[in-house]
Amino acid sequence: MGLFDNMVGGILSNMLSKAGTDGAGSLLETVLNGPMGQMLPGLLNSAFAKTPFGSLDGVLEQLQQAGLSDAVASWVSTGPNAPVNAEQITAALGADRLAEVATTLGLSADQLPDLLAQHLPTIIDRLSPEGVLDVPGR
């Protein structure tokens, strides 16, 4: 992992730990609407590139194959986002793989499934305003 990845991962981890689980939603909303909002999808894509998923697209494909096709489709579409929970994320992506991604992002392995369940729908929704996923840097 490069110095930039370490720095951004550390900043993200620090912000999330200070916000706590309940404050992470408003923190993510602030990040997505601010200057870092442009970097977050690329950071996630980079983190997933270092796993068997290969990218954020690979994560979505794995979620679809694991039975969450309707949820993923709702995130990419222009309608409301269907919710998922941490157990579904863990079952679909695997605890070991999630631990790898958490390490890459500088987060705890226990924190990541909840954060993904809470915020991945919003992130994907923001990356697909016209119903087509557009991940920066791919």
N, C-alpha and C. Protein backbone atom coordinates (compact mmCIF):
# COMPACT_ATOMS: atom_id res chain seq x y z
N MET A 1 0.85 -1.16 0.00
CA MET A 1 0.00 0.00 0.00
C MET A 1 0.90 1.22 0.00
N GLY A 2 0.54 2.23 -0.78
CA GLY A 2 1.35 3.42 -0.90
C GLY A 2 1.15 4.37 0.26
N LEU A 3 2.02 5.36 0.33
CA LEU A 3 1.95 6.36 1.39
C LEU A 3 0.61 7.09 1.36
N PHE A 4 0.15 7.45 0.16
CA PHE A 4 -1.12 8.16 0.04
C PHE A 4 -2.27 7.30 0.58
N ASP A 5 -2.29 6.01 0.22
CA ASP A 5 -3.33 5.11 0.71
C ASP A 5 -3.29 5.02 2.23
N ASN A 6 -2.08 4.92 2.79
CA ASN A 6 -1.94 4.87 4.25
C ASN A 6 -2.47 6.14 4.90
N MET A 7 -2.12 7.28 4.31
CA MET A 7 -2.52 8.55 4.87
C MET A 7 -4.04 8.70 4.81
N VAL A 8 -4.65 8.46 3.66
CA VAL A 8 -6.09 8.62 3.52
C VAL A 8 -6.83 7.58 4.36
N GLY A 9 -6.33 6.34 4.36
CA GLY A 9 -6.94 5.31 5.20
C GLY A 9 -6.89 5.68 6.67
N GLY A 10 -5.76 6.22 7.11
CA GLY A 10 -5.62 6.66 8.50
C GLY A 10 -6.56 7.80 8.83
N ILE A 11 -6.69 8.75 7.92
CA ILE A 11 -7.61 9.87 8.13
C ILE A 11 -9.05 9.36 8.21
N LEU A 12 -9.42 8.47 7.29
CA LEU A 12 -10.77 7.91 7.29
C LEU A 12 -11.04 7.15 8.57
N SER A 13 -10.09 6.34 8.99
CA SER A 13 -10.25 5.56 10.22
C SER A 13 -10.39 6.48 11.42
N ASN A 14 -9.56 7.50 11.48
CA ASN A 14 -9.61 8.44 12.59
C ASN A 14 -10.95 9.17 12.65
N MET A 15 -11.44 9.63 11.50
CA MET A 15 -12.72 10.32 11.45
C MET A 15 -13.85 9.40 11.88
N LEU A 16 -13.84 8.16 11.39
CA LEU A 16 -14.92 7.23 11.74
C LEU A 16 -14.88 6.86 13.21
N SER A 17 -13.68 6.68 13.77
CA SER A 17 -13.60 6.32 15.18
C SER A 17 -14.08 7.47 16.06
N LYS A 18 -13.82 8.71 15.65
CA LYS A 18 -14.30 9.85 16.42
C LYS A 18 -15.80 10.03 16.27
N ALA A 19 -16.33 9.70 15.10
CA ALA A 19 -17.77 9.85 14.87
C ALA A 19 -18.56 8.76 15.55
N GLY A 20 -17.95 7.59 15.75
CA GLY A 20 -18.67 6.46 16.31
C GLY A 20 -19.63 5.88 15.30
N THR A 21 -20.27 4.79 15.64
CA THR A 21 -21.17 4.12 14.71
C THR A 21 -22.37 5.01 14.36
N ASP A 22 -22.93 5.68 15.36
CA ASP A 22 -24.11 6.51 15.10
C ASP A 22 -23.77 7.75 14.29
N GLY A 23 -22.59 8.33 14.52
CA GLY A 23 -22.21 9.54 13.82
C GLY A 23 -21.62 9.29 12.45
N ALA A 24 -21.37 8.05 12.11
CA ALA A 24 -20.73 7.75 10.83
C ALA A 24 -21.62 8.14 9.65
N GLY A 25 -22.92 8.06 9.80
CA GLY A 25 -23.82 8.42 8.71
C GLY A 25 -23.72 9.88 8.34
N SER A 26 -23.77 10.74 9.35
CA SER A 26 -23.67 12.17 9.05
C SER A 26 -22.27 12.52 8.60
N LEU A 27 -21.26 11.84 9.13
CA LEU A 27 -19.89 12.06 8.69
C LEU A 27 -19.73 11.67 7.23
N LEU A 28 -20.26 10.52 6.84
CA LEU A 28 -20.16 10.08 5.45
C LEU A 28 -20.88 11.06 4.54
N GLU A 29 -22.03 11.53 4.96
CA GLU A 29 -22.78 12.50 4.15
C GLU A 29 -21.94 13.76 3.93
N THR A 30 -21.27 14.22 5.00
CA THR A 30 -20.39 15.39 4.89
C THR A 30 -19.24 15.11 3.94
N VAL A 31 -18.63 13.94 4.08
CA VAL A 31 -17.50 13.58 3.22
C VAL A 31 -17.95 13.49 1.76
N LEU A 32 -19.07 12.83 1.51
CA LEU A 32 -19.55 12.68 0.14
C LEU A 32 -19.90 14.02 -0.51
N ASN A 33 -20.36 14.96 0.28
CA ASN A 33 -20.72 16.26 -0.25
C ASN A 33 -19.56 17.25 -0.31
N GLY A 34 -18.44 16.89 0.32
CA GLY A 34 -17.29 17.78 0.36
C GLY A 34 -16.21 17.37 -0.61
N PRO A 35 -15.04 18.02 -0.51
CA PRO A 35 -13.94 17.74 -1.43
C PRO A 35 -13.47 16.28 -1.40
N MET A 36 -13.55 15.65 -0.22
CA MET A 36 -13.11 14.26 -0.14
C MET A 36 -14.09 13.31 -0.81
N GLY A 37 -15.29 13.79 -1.09
CA GLY A 37 -16.30 12.96 -1.74
C GLY A 37 -15.84 12.42 -3.08
N GLN A 38 -15.01 13.18 -3.75
CA GLN A 38 -14.47 12.73 -5.03
C GLN A 38 -13.43 11.63 -4.84
N MET A 39 -12.77 11.62 -3.67
CA MET A 39 -11.70 10.65 -3.42
C MET A 39 -12.21 9.33 -2.86
N LEU A 40 -13.30 9.37 -2.10
CA LEU A 40 -13.78 8.16 -1.41
C LEU A 40 -14.06 6.99 -2.33
N PRO A 41 -14.77 7.17 -3.44
CA PRO A 41 -15.00 6.03 -4.33
C PRO A 41 -13.69 5.44 -4.88
N GLY A 42 -12.76 6.31 -5.22
CA GLY A 42 -11.47 5.82 -5.71
C GLY A 42 -10.71 5.08 -4.63
N LEU A 43 -10.80 5.57 -3.39
CA LEU A 43 -10.15 4.90 -2.26
C LEU A 43 -10.75 3.52 -2.04
N LEU A 44 -12.08 3.44 -2.07
CA LEU A 44 -12.74 2.14 -1.94
C LEU A 44 -12.36 1.22 -3.09
N ASN A 45 -12.36 1.77 -4.30
CA ASN A 45 -11.99 0.97 -5.47
C ASN A 45 -10.57 0.43 -5.31
N SER A 46 -9.65 1.28 -4.83
CA SER A 46 -8.26 0.85 -4.61
C SER A 46 -8.17 -0.22 -3.53
N ALA A 47 -8.95 -0.03 -2.47
CA ALA A 47 -8.94 -1.03 -1.39
C ALA A 47 -9.44 -2.38 -1.89
N PHE A 48 -10.50 -2.36 -2.68
CA PHE A 48 -11.04 -3.60 -3.21
C PHE A 48 -10.15 -4.20 -4.30
N ALA A 49 -9.33 -3.37 -4.96
CA ALA A 49 -8.42 -3.86 -5.99
C ALA A 49 -7.38 -4.81 -5.41
N LYS A 50 -7.12 -4.65 -4.13
CA LYS A 50 -6.10 -5.48 -3.47
C LYS A 50 -6.69 -6.76 -2.89
N THR A 51 -7.92 -7.06 -3.26
CA THR A 51 -8.60 -8.27 -2.79
C THR A 51 -9.01 -9.09 -4.01
N PRO A 52 -9.53 -10.29 -3.79
CA PRO A 52 -10.02 -11.09 -4.93
C PRO A 52 -11.15 -10.44 -5.71
N PHE A 53 -11.82 -9.40 -5.14
CA PHE A 53 -12.90 -8.73 -5.86
C PHE A 53 -12.36 -7.90 -7.03
N GLY A 54 -11.18 -7.34 -6.87
CA GLY A 54 -10.53 -6.59 -7.93
C GLY A 54 -10.97 -5.14 -8.08
N SER A 55 -12.17 -4.80 -7.62
CA SER A 55 -12.67 -3.43 -7.77
C SER A 55 -14.02 -3.32 -7.07
N LEU A 56 -14.54 -2.11 -7.07
CA LEU A 56 -15.88 -1.89 -6.55
C LEU A 56 -16.90 -2.63 -7.42
N ASP A 57 -16.66 -2.66 -8.73
CA ASP A 57 -17.53 -3.44 -9.62
C ASP A 57 -17.54 -4.91 -9.21
N GLY A 58 -16.36 -5.44 -8.85
CA GLY A 58 -16.26 -6.83 -8.42
C GLY A 58 -17.05 -7.10 -7.15
N VAL A 59 -17.05 -6.13 -6.25
CA VAL A 59 -17.83 -6.25 -5.01
C VAL A 59 -19.31 -6.32 -5.34
N LEU A 60 -19.75 -5.43 -6.21
CA LEU A 60 -21.17 -5.44 -6.59
C LEU A 60 -21.55 -6.74 -7.28
N GLU A 61 -20.66 -7.24 -8.12
CA GLU A 61 -20.92 -8.52 -8.79
C GLU A 61 -21.05 -9.65 -7.77
N GLN A 62 -20.17 -9.65 -6.78
CA GLN A 62 -20.22 -10.68 -5.73
C GLN A 62 -21.51 -10.57 -4.92
N LEU A 63 -21.91 -9.34 -4.60
CA LEU A 63 -23.17 -9.15 -3.88
C LEU A 63 -24.35 -9.67 -4.70
N GLN A 64 -24.33 -9.42 -6.00
CA GLN A 64 -25.40 -9.90 -6.88
C GLN A 64 -25.43 -11.42 -6.91
N GLN A 65 -24.26 -12.04 -7.04
CA GLN A 65 -24.18 -13.50 -7.10
C GLN A 65 -24.59 -14.14 -5.79
N ALA A 66 -24.48 -13.40 -4.70
CA ALA A 66 -24.82 -13.94 -3.38
C ALA A 66 -26.30 -13.71 -3.03
N GLY A 67 -27.09 -13.27 -4.01
CA GLY A 67 -28.52 -13.14 -3.78
C GLY A 67 -29.00 -11.73 -3.47
N LEU A 68 -28.12 -10.74 -3.61
CA LEU A 68 -28.52 -9.37 -3.33
C LEU A 68 -28.70 -8.54 -4.61
N SER A 69 -29.06 -9.22 -5.70
CA SER A 69 -29.23 -8.55 -7.00
C SER A 69 -30.24 -7.42 -6.95
N ASP A 70 -31.38 -7.65 -6.31
CA ASP A 70 -32.41 -6.62 -6.25
C ASP A 70 -31.92 -5.39 -5.48
N ALA A 71 -31.21 -5.62 -4.39
CA ALA A 71 -30.68 -4.51 -3.60
C ALA A 71 -29.68 -3.71 -4.41
N VAL A 72 -28.72 -4.39 -5.04
CA VAL A 72 -27.70 -3.71 -5.85
C VAL A 72 -28.35 -2.95 -6.99
N ALA A 73 -29.32 -3.56 -7.65
CA ALA A 73 -30.02 -2.88 -8.75
C ALA A 73 -30.71 -1.61 -8.26
N SER A 74 -31.23 -1.64 -7.05
CA SER A 74 -31.90 -0.45 -6.52
C SER A 74 -30.91 0.68 -6.24
N TRP A 75 -29.67 0.33 -5.89
CA TRP A 75 -28.66 1.36 -5.61
C TRP A 75 -28.23 2.06 -6.90
N VAL A 76 -28.16 1.29 -7.98
CA VAL A 76 -27.71 1.83 -9.26
C VAL A 76 -28.86 2.56 -9.97
N SER A 77 -30.07 2.14 -9.73
CA SER A 77 -31.22 2.76 -10.39
C SER A 77 -31.49 4.15 -9.81
N THR A 78 -32.42 4.84 -10.39
CA THR A 78 -32.75 6.18 -9.92
C THR A 78 -33.80 6.18 -8.82
N GLY A 79 -34.29 5.02 -8.41
CA GLY A 79 -35.31 4.94 -7.36
C GLY A 79 -34.69 4.84 -5.98
N PRO A 80 -35.50 4.51 -4.98
CA PRO A 80 -35.01 4.38 -3.60
C PRO A 80 -34.04 3.20 -3.46
N ASN A 81 -33.14 3.31 -2.49
CA ASN A 81 -32.15 2.27 -2.24
C ASN A 81 -32.69 1.23 -1.26
N ALA A 82 -32.62 -0.03 -1.65
CA ALA A 82 -33.01 -1.12 -0.75
C ALA A 82 -31.92 -1.30 0.30
N PRO A 83 -32.31 -1.53 1.55
CA PRO A 83 -31.30 -1.71 2.59
C PRO A 83 -30.71 -3.12 2.59
N VAL A 84 -29.52 -3.23 3.13
CA VAL A 84 -28.89 -4.52 3.43
C VAL A 84 -28.35 -4.41 4.86
N ASN A 85 -28.06 -5.56 5.46
CA ASN A 85 -27.50 -5.51 6.80
C ASN A 85 -26.09 -6.10 6.81
N ALA A 86 -25.42 -5.93 7.93
CA ALA A 86 -24.03 -6.37 8.06
C ALA A 86 -23.89 -7.88 7.85
N GLU A 87 -24.87 -8.65 8.31
CA GLU A 87 -24.81 -10.10 8.14
C GLU A 87 -24.87 -10.48 6.66
N GLN A 88 -25.71 -9.80 5.91
CA GLN A 88 -25.80 -10.06 4.47
C GLN A 88 -24.49 -9.71 3.77
N ILE A 89 -23.90 -8.58 4.15
CA ILE A 89 -22.62 -8.16 3.57
C ILE A 89 -21.54 -9.19 3.88
N THR A 90 -21.47 -9.62 5.13
CA THR A 90 -20.46 -10.60 5.53
C THR A 90 -20.67 -11.93 4.82
N ALA A 91 -21.92 -12.38 4.74
CA ALA A 91 -22.21 -13.65 4.06
C ALA A 91 -21.85 -13.57 2.58
N ALA A 92 -22.12 -12.44 1.96
CA ALA A 92 -21.88 -12.30 0.52
C ALA A 92 -20.41 -12.12 0.19
N LEU A 93 -19.70 -11.36 1.00
CA LEU A 93 -18.31 -11.01 0.67
C LEU A 93 -17.28 -11.85 1.41
N GLY A 94 -17.67 -12.44 2.52
CA GLY A 94 -16.75 -13.29 3.29
C GLY A 94 -15.99 -12.49 4.33
N ALA A 95 -15.95 -13.02 5.53
CA ALA A 95 -15.30 -12.34 6.65
C ALA A 95 -13.81 -12.12 6.40
N ASP A 96 -13.13 -13.11 5.81
CA ASP A 96 -11.70 -12.97 5.56
C ASP A 96 -11.40 -11.87 4.55
N ARG A 97 -12.19 -11.82 3.49
CA ARG A 97 -12.00 -10.78 2.47
C ARG A 97 -12.30 -9.41 3.05
N LEU A 98 -13.35 -9.31 3.86
CA LEU A 98 -13.68 -8.03 4.48
C LEU A 98 -12.57 -7.59 5.43
N ALA A 99 -11.96 -8.53 6.11
CA ALA A 99 -10.84 -8.20 7.00
C ALA A 99 -9.67 -7.61 6.20
N GLU A 100 -9.41 -8.16 5.00
CA GLU A 100 -8.36 -7.62 4.13
C GLU A 100 -8.66 -6.18 3.76
N VAL A 101 -9.90 -5.93 3.36
CA VAL A 101 -10.30 -4.58 2.95
C VAL A 101 -10.21 -3.63 4.14
N ALA A 102 -10.67 -4.08 5.31
CA ALA A 102 -10.61 -3.24 6.50
C ALA A 102 -9.18 -2.83 6.82
N THR A 103 -8.26 -3.79 6.71
CA THR A 103 -6.85 -3.49 6.95
C THR A 103 -6.34 -2.45 5.96
N THR A 104 -6.72 -2.61 4.69
CA THR A 104 -6.31 -1.66 3.66
C THR A 104 -6.82 -0.25 3.96
N LEU A 105 -8.03 -0.15 4.50
CA LEU A 105 -8.63 1.14 4.80
C LEU A 105 -8.25 1.67 6.18
N GLY A 106 -7.55 0.85 6.96
CA GLY A 106 -7.19 1.27 8.31
C GLY A 106 -8.35 1.21 9.28
N LEU A 107 -9.31 0.32 9.02
CA LEU A 107 -10.48 0.14 9.88
C LEU A 107 -10.40 -1.20 10.58
N SER A 108 -11.22 -1.39 11.61
CA SER A 108 -11.29 -2.70 12.24
C SER A 108 -12.19 -3.61 11.40
N ALA A 109 -11.88 -4.89 11.41
CA ALA A 109 -12.67 -5.86 10.65
C ALA A 109 -14.11 -5.93 11.15
N ASP A 110 -14.34 -5.65 12.43
CA ASP A 110 -15.69 -5.68 12.99
C ASP A 110 -16.52 -4.49 12.51
N GLN A 111 -15.87 -3.38 12.23
CA GLN A 111 -16.56 -2.15 11.86
C GLN A 111 -17.01 -2.15 10.40
N LEU A 112 -16.23 -2.75 9.52
CA LEU A 112 -16.46 -2.63 8.09
C LEU A 112 -17.81 -3.16 7.60
N PRO A 113 -18.26 -4.36 7.99
CA PRO A 113 -19.56 -4.82 7.48
C PRO A 113 -20.71 -3.87 7.80
N ASP A 114 -20.72 -3.32 9.03
CA ASP A 114 -21.76 -2.36 9.39
C ASP A 114 -21.66 -1.10 8.54
N LEU A 115 -20.44 -0.60 8.36
CA LEU A 115 -20.27 0.61 7.56
C LEU A 115 -20.68 0.39 6.11
N LEU A 116 -20.30 -0.76 5.56
CA LEU A 116 -20.71 -1.05 4.18
C LEU A 116 -22.22 -1.19 4.06
N ALA A 117 -22.83 -1.88 5.01
CA ALA A 117 -24.28 -2.06 4.98
C ALA A 117 -25.00 -0.71 5.07
N GLN A 118 -24.49 0.17 5.91
CA GLN A 118 -25.12 1.47 6.09
C GLN A 118 -24.87 2.42 4.93
N HIS A 119 -23.66 2.38 4.35
CA HIS A 119 -23.27 3.45 3.45
C HIS A 119 -22.98 3.05 2.01
N LEU A 120 -22.77 1.77 1.74
CA LEU A 120 -22.52 1.36 0.36
C LEU A 120 -23.70 1.71 -0.56
N PRO A 121 -24.94 1.52 -0.11
CA PRO A 121 -26.06 1.93 -0.98
C PRO A 121 -26.00 3.41 -1.38
N THR A 122 -25.65 4.27 -0.44
CA THR A 122 -25.56 5.70 -0.72
C THR A 122 -24.40 6.01 -1.65
N ILE A 123 -23.25 5.37 -1.40
CA ILE A 123 -22.07 5.60 -2.24
C ILE A 123 -22.36 5.17 -3.68
N ILE A 124 -22.93 3.97 -3.84
CA ILE A 124 -23.23 3.47 -5.19
C ILE A 124 -24.29 4.36 -5.84
N ASP A 125 -25.28 4.78 -5.07
CA ASP A 125 -26.31 5.67 -5.59
C ASP A 125 -25.70 6.97 -6.10
N ARG A 126 -24.76 7.52 -5.34
CA ARG A 126 -24.09 8.76 -5.75
C ARG A 126 -23.23 8.57 -6.99
N LEU A 127 -22.70 7.36 -7.17
CA LEU A 127 -21.86 7.06 -8.33
C LEU A 127 -22.68 6.68 -9.56
N SER A 128 -23.99 6.65 -9.41
CA SER A 128 -24.85 6.26 -10.54
C SER A 128 -26.08 7.16 -10.63
N PRO A 129 -25.87 8.49 -10.72
CA PRO A 129 -27.02 9.40 -10.71
C PRO A 129 -27.95 9.21 -11.91
N GLU A 130 -27.43 8.71 -12.99
CA GLU A 130 -28.25 8.49 -14.19
C GLU A 130 -28.60 7.02 -14.39
N GLY A 131 -28.39 6.22 -13.33
CA GLY A 131 -28.68 4.79 -13.43
C GLY A 131 -27.56 3.96 -14.01
N VAL A 132 -26.37 4.58 -14.18
CA VAL A 132 -25.21 3.86 -14.70
C VAL A 132 -24.04 4.12 -13.75
N LEU A 133 -23.41 3.07 -13.27
CA LEU A 133 -22.31 3.20 -12.32
C LEU A 133 -21.10 3.83 -12.98
N ASP A 134 -20.57 4.89 -12.36
CA ASP A 134 -19.40 5.61 -12.87
C ASP A 134 -18.38 5.75 -11.75
N VAL A 135 -17.46 4.80 -11.65
CA VAL A 135 -16.44 4.81 -10.61
C VAL A 135 -15.23 5.58 -11.11
N PRO A 136 -14.84 6.64 -10.40
CA PRO A 136 -13.66 7.40 -10.82
C PRO A 136 -12.42 6.53 -10.86
N GLY A 137 -11.58 6.76 -11.83
CA GLY A 137 -10.31 6.07 -11.91
C GLY A 137 -10.34 4.68 -12.52
N ARG A 138 -11.46 4.31 -13.12
CA ARG A 138 -11.47 2.98 -13.74
C ARG A 138 -11.42 3.08 -15.23
